[in-house]
Amino acid sequence: MGKLYVVGIGPGSIENMTVRAVNVIKSSQIIIGYSKYIDIIRNLVKDKKVFSTGMGGEMERCKRALKLSRDNIVSIVSTGDSGIYGMAGLILELREDEQVEIVPGITASSAAGSVVGAPLMHDNCNISLSDIMTPYELIKKRVELAASGDFVISFYNPKSHGRPRYLKECMDIVRKYRKGSTPVAVVKNALREGQNFKICTIDSFEDDAVDMMSIVIVGNSNSYLKDGIFITPRGYELKDC
């Protein structure tokens, strides 16, 4: 009897994958994923059967993975965490009697947060600005509620050629609830080749360099910078040692 693993491969480097994710991929007979994700783990899958598709082939990949898993050990891979904007939800929606196991990974906001300090130490949320799956009016409503609730906000898919204004408009919503000195981090290619980042404030924020490979983290009302490091306090009482 076969099995399907839905694997989060993390930010995009083998050293930042979990040991479990690496072992599951090594034990699988067939690997399925978006072509760019397959490239990331090419060294792990060079002796395996591989099926890949381009952007927009998610349904095809999931259906093929489920079908093949009836008689084979299969891994379908997503960057980040398989259950956060990954393939886990769609696989479970389509699943009938196939054996499925979810293997988590490091999501983009956690990866980006580690690069700039500890911005996610208190209540926080992820909001994707892509309107392919979610109407933009609903996205803006979620931004409004998260900002008014004083959540640290990580914007996924913040800006593309087809959505050049969404990030600016959503930052304008956040500005209604945050001081201009609130820290903002833009991290591109977090924990992968080409990584770079910039830490600024809401007042000085510009979105010129932001793209689909970026994560934008906006602090809450207590977030601050210490020696250039982005910190959101958890609320511990700090005493002199």
C-alpha atoms as a PDB file:
ATOM      1  CA  MET A   1       0.000   0.000   0.000  1.00  0.00           C
ATOM      2  CA  GLY A   2       1.301   3.440  -0.898  1.00  0.00           C
ATOM      3  CA  LYS A   3       1.416   6.717   0.983  1.00  0.00           C
ATOM      4  CA  LEU A   4       1.494  10.417   0.198  1.00  0.00           C
ATOM      5  CA  TYR A   5       3.658  12.839   2.148  1.00  0.00           C
ATOM      6  CA  VAL A   6       2.874  16.554   1.805  1.00  0.00           C
ATOM      7  CA  VAL A   7       6.257  18.077   2.545  1.00  0.00           C
ATOM      8  CA  GLY A   8       7.234  21.626   3.471  1.00  0.00           C
ATOM      9  CA  ILE A   9      10.811  22.101   2.305  1.00  0.00           C
ATOM     10  CA  GLY A  10      11.360  25.416   4.087  1.00  0.00           C
ATOM     11  CA  PRO A  11      12.799  28.629   2.659  1.00  0.00           C
ATOM     12  CA  GLY A  12      14.792  27.060  -0.145  1.00  0.00           C
ATOM     13  CA  SER A  13      18.019  25.548   1.122  1.00  0.00           C
ATOM     14  CA  ILE A  14      18.713  21.975   2.185  1.00  0.00           C
ATOM     15  CA  GLU A  15      20.283  23.073   5.491  1.00  0.00           C
ATOM     16  CA  ASN A  16      17.023  24.780   6.497  1.00  0.00           C
ATOM     17  CA  MET A  17      14.849  21.732   5.846  1.00  0.00           C
ATOM     18  CA  THR A  18      13.812  19.600   8.797  1.00  0.00           C
ATOM     19  CA  VAL A  19      15.503  16.232   9.240  1.00  0.00           C
ATOM     20  CA  ARG A  20      12.088  14.609   8.865  1.00  0.00           C
ATOM     21  CA  ALA A  21      11.445  16.360   5.532  1.00  0.00           C
ATOM     22  CA  VAL A  22      14.810  15.241   4.161  1.00  0.00           C
ATOM     23  CA  ASN A  23      14.270  11.652   5.314  1.00  0.00           C
ATOM     24  CA  VAL A  24      10.746  11.483   3.867  1.00  0.00           C
ATOM     25  CA  ILE A  25      11.951  12.745   0.479  1.00  0.00           C
ATOM     26  CA  LYS A  26      14.819  10.262   0.498  1.00  0.00           C
ATOM     27  CA  SER A  27      12.421   7.397   1.263  1.00  0.00           C
ATOM     28  CA  SER A  28       9.911   8.370  -1.444  1.00  0.00           C
ATOM     29  CA  GLN A  29       9.846   6.712  -4.851  1.00  0.00           C
ATOM     30  CA  ILE A  30       8.166   9.622  -6.635  1.00  0.00           C
ATOM     31  CA  ILE A  31       8.553  13.377  -6.078  1.00  0.00           C
ATOM     32  CA  ILE A  32       5.972  15.886  -7.345  1.00  0.00           C
ATOM     33  CA  GLY A  33       6.126  19.669  -7.235  1.00  0.00           C
ATOM     34  CA  TYR A  34       6.290  23.042  -8.919  1.00  0.00           C
ATOM     35  CA  SER A  35       9.341  23.044 -11.183  1.00  0.00           C
ATOM     36  CA  LYS A  36      11.171  25.763  -9.226  1.00  0.00           C
ATOM     37  CA  TYR A  37      10.674  23.850  -5.971  1.00  0.00           C
ATOM     38  CA  ILE A  38      12.047  20.686  -7.543  1.00  0.00           C
ATOM     39  CA  ASP A  39      15.162  22.621  -8.553  1.00  0.00           C
ATOM     40  CA  ILE A  40      15.777  23.507  -4.892  1.00  0.00           C
ATOM     41  CA  ILE A  41      15.966  19.839  -3.865  1.00  0.00           C
ATOM     42  CA  ARG A  42      17.498  18.548  -7.093  1.00  0.00           C
ATOM     43  CA  ASN A  43      20.367  16.843  -5.245  1.00  0.00           C
ATOM     44  CA  LEU A  44      17.890  14.883  -3.106  1.00  0.00           C
ATOM     45  CA  VAL A  45      15.765  13.617  -5.996  1.00  0.00           C
ATOM     46  CA  LYS A  46      18.211  12.937  -8.825  1.00  0.00           C
ATOM     47  CA  ASP A  47      17.682   9.153  -8.623  1.00  0.00           C
ATOM     48  CA  LYS A  48      13.865   9.317  -8.319  1.00  0.00           C
ATOM     49  CA  LYS A  49      10.897   9.662 -10.610  1.00  0.00           C
ATOM     50  CA  VAL A  50       9.988  13.334 -10.714  1.00  0.00           C
ATOM     51  CA  PHE A  51       6.832  15.019 -11.998  1.00  0.00           C
ATOM     52  CA  SER A  52       6.770  18.817 -12.131  1.00  0.00           C
ATOM     53  CA  THR A  53       4.521  21.495 -13.581  1.00  0.00           C
ATOM     54  CA  GLY A  54       4.714  25.248 -13.908  1.00  0.00           C
ATOM     55  CA  MET A  55       2.792  27.931 -12.073  1.00  0.00           C
ATOM     56  CA  GLY A  56      -0.936  27.257 -12.054  1.00  0.00           C
ATOM     57  CA  GLY A  57      -0.586  23.477 -12.143  1.00  0.00           C
ATOM     58  CA  GLU A  58      -1.494  22.925  -8.490  1.00  0.00           C
ATOM     59  CA  MET A  59      -4.661  20.919  -9.117  1.00  0.00           C
ATOM     60  CA  GLU A  60      -2.920  18.675 -11.639  1.00  0.00           C
ATOM     61  CA  ARG A  61      -0.018  18.030  -9.265  1.00  0.00           C
ATOM     62  CA  CYS A  62      -2.302  17.178  -6.352  1.00  0.00           C
ATOM     63  CA  LYS A  63      -4.498  14.811  -8.361  1.00  0.00           C
ATOM     64  CA  ARG A  64      -1.457  13.023  -9.780  1.00  0.00           C
ATOM     65  CA  ALA A  65       0.139  12.759  -6.345  1.00  0.00           C
ATOM     66  CA  LEU A  66      -2.972  11.173  -4.847  1.00  0.00           C
ATOM     67  CA  LYS A  67      -3.376   8.754  -7.731  1.00  0.00           C
ATOM     68  CA  LEU A  68       0.242   7.617  -7.673  1.00  0.00           C
ATOM     69  CA  SER A  69       0.260   7.281  -3.892  1.00  0.00           C
ATOM     70  CA  ARG A  70      -2.182   4.364  -4.036  1.00  0.00           C
ATOM     71  CA  ASP A  71       0.697   2.090  -5.100  1.00  0.00           C
ATOM     72  CA  ASN A  72       3.828   4.149  -4.366  1.00  0.00           C
ATOM     73  CA  ILE A  73       5.507   6.223  -1.681  1.00  0.00           C
ATOM     74  CA  VAL A  74       5.091   9.786  -2.980  1.00  0.00           C
ATOM     75  CA  SER A  75       6.148  13.219  -1.741  1.00  0.00           C
ATOM     76  CA  ILE A  76       4.531  16.402  -3.016  1.00  0.00           C
ATOM     77  CA  VAL A  77       6.618  19.396  -2.013  1.00  0.00           C
ATOM     78  CA  SER A  78       5.939  23.039  -1.223  1.00  0.00           C
ATOM     79  CA  THR A  79       8.352  25.729  -0.109  1.00  0.00           C
ATOM     80  CA  GLY A  80       7.862  27.019   3.404  1.00  0.00           C
ATOM     81  CA  ASP A  81       5.309  25.051   5.392  1.00  0.00           C
ATOM     82  CA  SER A  82       3.045  22.667   3.508  1.00  0.00           C
ATOM     83  CA  GLY A  83       0.042  23.847   5.526  1.00  0.00           C
ATOM     84  CA  ILE A  84       0.615  27.608   5.089  1.00  0.00           C
ATOM     85  CA  TYR A  85      -0.191  28.632   1.507  1.00  0.00           C
ATOM     86  CA  GLY A  86       1.068  25.170   0.500  1.00  0.00           C
ATOM     87  CA  MET A  87      -0.490  21.985  -0.860  1.00  0.00           C
ATOM     88  CA  ALA A  88      -1.768  20.394   2.363  1.00  0.00           C
ATOM     89  CA  GLY A  89      -5.254  21.881   2.252  1.00  0.00           C
ATOM     90  CA  LEU A  90      -5.938  21.031  -1.392  1.00  0.00           C
ATOM     91  CA  ILE A  91      -4.619  17.488  -0.940  1.00  0.00           C
ATOM     92  CA  LEU A  92      -6.916  16.896   2.034  1.00  0.00           C
ATOM     93  CA  GLU A  93      -9.896  18.360   0.164  1.00  0.00           C
ATOM     94  CA  LEU A  94      -9.296  15.997  -2.771  1.00  0.00           C
ATOM     95  CA  ARG A  95      -8.336  12.961  -0.685  1.00  0.00           C
ATOM     96  CA  GLU A  96     -10.647   9.946  -0.635  1.00  0.00           C
ATOM     97  CA  ASP A  97      -9.115   6.868   1.004  1.00  0.00           C
ATOM     98  CA  GLU A  98      -5.434   7.566   0.266  1.00  0.00           C
ATOM     99  CA  GLN A  99      -2.955   7.540   3.143  1.00  0.00           C
ATOM    100  CA  VAL A 100      -1.724  11.123   3.660  1.00  0.00           C
ATOM    101  CA  GLU A 101       0.766  12.570   6.130  1.00  0.00           C
ATOM    102  CA  ILE A 102       1.621  16.265   6.492  1.00  0.00           C
ATOM    103  CA  VAL A 103       5.288  17.161   7.035  1.00  0.00           C
ATOM    104  CA  PRO A 104       5.732  20.779   8.186  1.00  0.00           C
ATOM    105  CA  GLY A 105       8.527  23.175   7.294  1.00  0.00           C
ATOM    106  CA  ILE A 106       9.804  26.664   8.126  1.00  0.00           C
ATOM    107  CA  THR A 107       7.366  29.224   6.748  1.00  0.00           C
ATOM    108  CA  ALA A 108       8.522  32.434   5.071  1.00  0.00           C
ATOM    109  CA  SER A 109       7.603  34.789   7.924  1.00  0.00           C
ATOM    110  CA  SER A 110       9.604  32.713  10.419  1.00  0.00           C
ATOM    111  CA  ALA A 111      12.570  32.631   8.041  1.00  0.00           C
ATOM    112  CA  ALA A 112      12.376  36.381   7.422  1.00  0.00           C
ATOM    113  CA  GLY A 113      11.920  37.108  11.117  1.00  0.00           C
ATOM    114  CA  SER A 114      15.089  35.243  11.995  1.00  0.00           C
ATOM    115  CA  VAL A 115      17.074  37.390   9.557  1.00  0.00           C
ATOM    116  CA  VAL A 116      16.090  40.727  11.138  1.00  0.00           C
ATOM    117  CA  GLY A 117      15.769  39.822  14.824  1.00  0.00           C
ATOM    118  CA  ALA A 118      12.687  38.739  16.763  1.00  0.00           C
ATOM    119  CA  PRO A 119       9.740  40.630  15.256  1.00  0.00           C
ATOM    120  CA  LEU A 120       7.186  37.820  15.712  1.00  0.00           C
ATOM    121  CA  MET A 121       7.607  37.307  19.467  1.00  0.00           C
ATOM    122  CA  HIS A 122       4.020  38.327  20.252  1.00  0.00           C
ATOM    123  CA  ASP A 123       0.667  37.776  18.539  1.00  0.00           C
ATOM    124  CA  ASN A 124       1.130  37.942  14.793  1.00  0.00           C
ATOM    125  CA  CYS A 125      -0.549  36.963  11.543  1.00  0.00           C
ATOM    126  CA  ASN A 126       0.253  36.226   7.910  1.00  0.00           C
ATOM    127  CA  ILE A 127      -1.752  37.943   5.165  1.00  0.00           C
ATOM    128  CA  SER A 128      -1.221  37.219   1.485  1.00  0.00           C
ATOM    129  CA  LEU A 129      -1.833  40.163  -0.834  1.00  0.00           C
ATOM    130  CA  SER A 130      -2.428  37.869  -3.792  1.00  0.00           C
ATOM    131  CA  ASP A 131      -6.022  38.171  -4.982  1.00  0.00           C
ATOM    132  CA  ILE A 132      -5.919  35.012  -7.109  1.00  0.00           C
ATOM    133  CA  MET A 133      -7.682  33.015  -4.384  1.00  0.00           C
ATOM    134  CA  THR A 134      -9.056  35.825  -2.207  1.00  0.00           C
ATOM    135  CA  PRO A 135     -10.997  38.947  -3.279  1.00  0.00           C
ATOM    136  CA  TYR A 136      -9.018  42.110  -2.674  1.00  0.00           C
ATOM    137  CA  GLU A 137     -11.820  43.700  -0.653  1.00  0.00           C
ATOM    138  CA  LEU A 138     -11.608  40.772   1.786  1.00  0.00           C
ATOM    139  CA  ILE A 139      -7.826  41.124   1.937  1.00  0.00           C
ATOM    140  CA  LYS A 140      -8.166  44.788   2.883  1.00  0.00           C
ATOM    141  CA  LYS A 141     -10.745  43.912   5.534  1.00  0.00           C
ATOM    142  CA  ARG A 142      -8.347  41.395   7.084  1.00  0.00           C
ATOM    143  CA  VAL A 143      -5.539  43.982   7.054  1.00  0.00           C
ATOM    144  CA  GLU A 144      -7.829  46.496   8.749  1.00  0.00           C
ATOM    145  CA  LEU A 145      -8.816  44.032  11.469  1.00  0.00           C
ATOM    146  CA  ALA A 146      -5.254  42.824  12.038  1.00  0.00           C
ATOM    147  CA  ALA A 147      -3.971  46.390  12.250  1.00  0.00           C
ATOM    148  CA  SER A 148      -6.732  47.507  14.617  1.00  0.00           C
ATOM    149  CA  GLY A 149      -6.082  44.409  16.744  1.00  0.00           C
ATOM    150  CA  ASP A 150      -2.399  45.372  17.078  1.00  0.00           C
ATOM    151  CA  PHE A 151      -1.078  42.198  15.455  1.00  0.00           C
ATOM    152  CA  VAL A 152       2.402  42.073  13.990  1.00  0.00           C
ATOM    153  CA  ILE A 153       1.629  41.545  10.294  1.00  0.00           C
ATOM    154  CA  SER A 154       3.668  39.570   7.767  1.00  0.00           C
ATOM    155  CA  PHE A 155       2.654  40.328   4.196  1.00  0.00           C
ATOM    156  CA  TYR A 156       3.159  37.392   1.822  1.00  0.00           C
ATOM    157  CA  ASN A 157       3.089  37.916  -1.972  1.00  0.00           C
ATOM    158  CA  PRO A 158       3.288  41.646  -1.289  1.00  0.00           C
ATOM    159  CA  LYS A 159       3.775  43.079  -4.753  1.00  0.00           C
ATOM    160  CA  SER A 160       3.768  41.938  -8.372  1.00  0.00           C
ATOM    161  CA  HIS A 161       3.521  43.503 -11.818  1.00  0.00           C
ATOM    162  CA  GLY A 162      -0.190  42.716 -11.805  1.00  0.00           C
ATOM    163  CA  ARG A 163      -0.698  44.159  -8.302  1.00  0.00           C
ATOM    164  CA  PRO A 164       1.581  47.205  -8.099  1.00  0.00           C
ATOM    165  CA  ARG A 165      -0.603  49.201  -5.674  1.00  0.00           C
ATOM    166  CA  TYR A 166      -1.901  46.659  -3.154  1.00  0.00           C
ATOM    167  CA  LEU A 167       1.007  46.895  -0.717  1.00  0.00           C
ATOM    168  CA  LYS A 168       0.939  50.694  -0.654  1.00  0.00           C
ATOM    169  CA  GLU A 169      -2.814  50.685  -0.091  1.00  0.00           C
ATOM    170  CA  CYS A 170      -2.565  48.108   2.690  1.00  0.00           C
ATOM    171  CA  MET A 171       0.271  50.003   4.368  1.00  0.00           C
ATOM    172  CA  ASP A 172      -1.974  53.085   4.304  1.00  0.00           C
ATOM    173  CA  ILE A 173      -4.556  51.043   6.223  1.00  0.00           C
ATOM    174  CA  VAL A 174      -1.937  50.015   8.795  1.00  0.00           C
ATOM    175  CA  ARG A 175      -0.815  53.641   9.206  1.00  0.00           C
ATOM    176  CA  LYS A 176      -4.204  54.492  10.711  1.00  0.00           C
ATOM    177  CA  TYR A 177      -3.336  52.301  13.706  1.00  0.00           C
ATOM    178  CA  ARG A 178       0.466  52.566  14.042  1.00  0.00           C
ATOM    179  CA  LYS A 179       2.966  55.258  14.956  1.00  0.00           C
ATOM    180  CA  GLY A 180       5.273  56.413  12.194  1.00  0.00           C
ATOM    181  CA  SER A 181       8.246  55.058  14.164  1.00  0.00           C
ATOM    182  CA  THR A 182       6.919  51.471  14.011  1.00  0.00           C
ATOM    183  CA  PRO A 183       9.599  49.159  12.561  1.00  0.00           C
ATOM    184  CA  VAL A 184       9.084  47.564   9.146  1.00  0.00           C
ATOM    185  CA  ALA A 185      11.332  44.888   7.645  1.00  0.00           C
ATOM    186  CA  VAL A 186      11.574  43.903   3.989  1.00  0.00           C
ATOM    187  CA  VAL A 187      13.371  40.580   3.574  1.00  0.00           C
ATOM    188  CA  LYS A 188      14.040  39.177   0.127  1.00  0.00           C
ATOM    189  CA  ASN A 189      15.034  35.531  -0.452  1.00  0.00           C
ATOM    190  CA  ALA A 190      15.080  34.778   3.274  1.00  0.00           C
ATOM    191  CA  LEU A 191      17.593  32.026   4.139  1.00  0.00           C
ATOM    192  CA  ARG A 192      18.320  31.289   0.490  1.00  0.00           C
ATOM    193  CA  GLU A 193      20.704  32.454  -2.202  1.00  0.00           C
ATOM    194  CA  GLY A 194      20.392  36.177  -2.887  1.00  0.00           C
ATOM    195  CA  GLN A 195      19.181  37.075   0.596  1.00  0.00           C
ATOM    196  CA  ASN A 196      19.026  40.756   1.464  1.00  0.00           C
ATOM    197  CA  PHE A 197      16.983  42.863   3.825  1.00  0.00           C
ATOM    198  CA  LYS A 198      16.151  46.388   4.864  1.00  0.00           C
ATOM    199  CA  ILE A 199      14.753  47.629   8.168  1.00  0.00           C
ATOM    200  CA  CYS A 200      12.988  50.974   8.217  1.00  0.00           C
ATOM    201  CA  THR A 201       9.926  52.560   9.819  1.00  0.00           C
ATOM    202  CA  ILE A 202       6.392  53.110   8.610  1.00  0.00           C
ATOM    203  CA  ASP A 203       7.264  56.767   7.949  1.00  0.00           C
ATOM    204  CA  SER A 204      10.311  55.903   5.832  1.00  0.00           C
ATOM    205  CA  PHE A 205       8.913  52.783   4.157  1.00  0.00           C
ATOM    206  CA  GLU A 206       9.080  52.621   0.363  1.00  0.00           C
ATOM    207  CA  ASP A 207       7.967  49.641  -1.698  1.00  0.00           C
ATOM    208  CA  ASP A 208      10.222  50.151  -4.722  1.00  0.00           C
ATOM    209  CA  ALA A 209      12.405  47.100  -4.026  1.00  0.00           C
ATOM    210  CA  VAL A 210       9.577  44.810  -2.878  1.00  0.00           C
ATOM    211  CA  ASP A 211       8.612  41.887  -5.105  1.00  0.00           C
ATOM    212  CA  MET A 212       7.075  38.412  -4.914  1.00  0.00           C
ATOM    213  CA  MET A 213      10.268  37.016  -3.358  1.00  0.00           C
ATOM    214  CA  SER A 214       9.926  39.437  -0.435  1.00  0.00           C
ATOM    215  CA  ILE A 215       8.232  39.262   2.932  1.00  0.00           C
ATOM    216  CA  VAL A 216       7.206  42.541   4.583  1.00  0.00           C
ATOM    217  CA  ILE A 217       6.915  42.469   8.385  1.00  0.00           C
ATOM    218  CA  VAL A 218       5.181  45.371  10.158  1.00  0.00           C
ATOM    219  CA  GLY A 219       5.611  45.623  13.913  1.00  0.00           C
ATOM    220  CA  ASN A 220       2.909  46.184  16.531  1.00  0.00           C
ATOM    221  CA  SER A 221       2.560  49.191  18.846  1.00  0.00           C
ATOM    222  CA  ASN A 222       5.366  47.909  21.119  1.00  0.00           C
ATOM    223  CA  SER A 223       7.866  46.815  18.473  1.00  0.00           C
ATOM    224  CA  TYR A 224      11.138  48.715  18.395  1.00  0.00           C
ATOM    225  CA  LEU A 225      14.693  48.707  17.049  1.00  0.00           C
ATOM    226  CA  LYS A 226      17.693  47.999  19.271  1.00  0.00           C
ATOM    227  CA  ASP A 227      21.107  48.379  17.657  1.00  0.00           C
ATOM    228  CA  GLY A 228      19.473  47.878  14.270  1.00  0.00           C
ATOM    229  CA  ILE A 229      17.663  44.713  15.368  1.00  0.00           C
ATOM    230  CA  PHE A 230      13.866  44.399  15.066  1.00  0.00           C
ATOM    231  CA  ILE A 231      12.295  43.315  18.380  1.00  0.00           C
ATOM    232  CA  THR A 232       8.696  42.799  19.441  1.00  0.00           C
ATOM    233  CA  PRO A 233       8.633  42.384  23.245  1.00  0.00           C
ATOM    234  CA  ARG A 234       6.818  39.369  24.669  1.00  0.00           C
ATOM    235  CA  GLY A 235       5.984  41.290  27.819  1.00  0.00           C
ATOM    236  CA  TYR A 236       8.606  39.989  30.258  1.00  0.00           C
ATOM    237  CA  GLU A 237       9.569  42.396  33.041  1.00  0.00           C
ATOM    238  CA  LEU A 238      13.185  43.281  32.390  1.00  0.00           C
ATOM    239  CA  LYS A 239      15.268  43.850  35.522  1.00  0.00           C
ATOM    240  CA  ASP A 240      18.863  44.859  35.931  1.00  0.00           C
ATOM    241  CA  CYS A 241      21.115  41.849  36.403  1.00  0.00           C
END
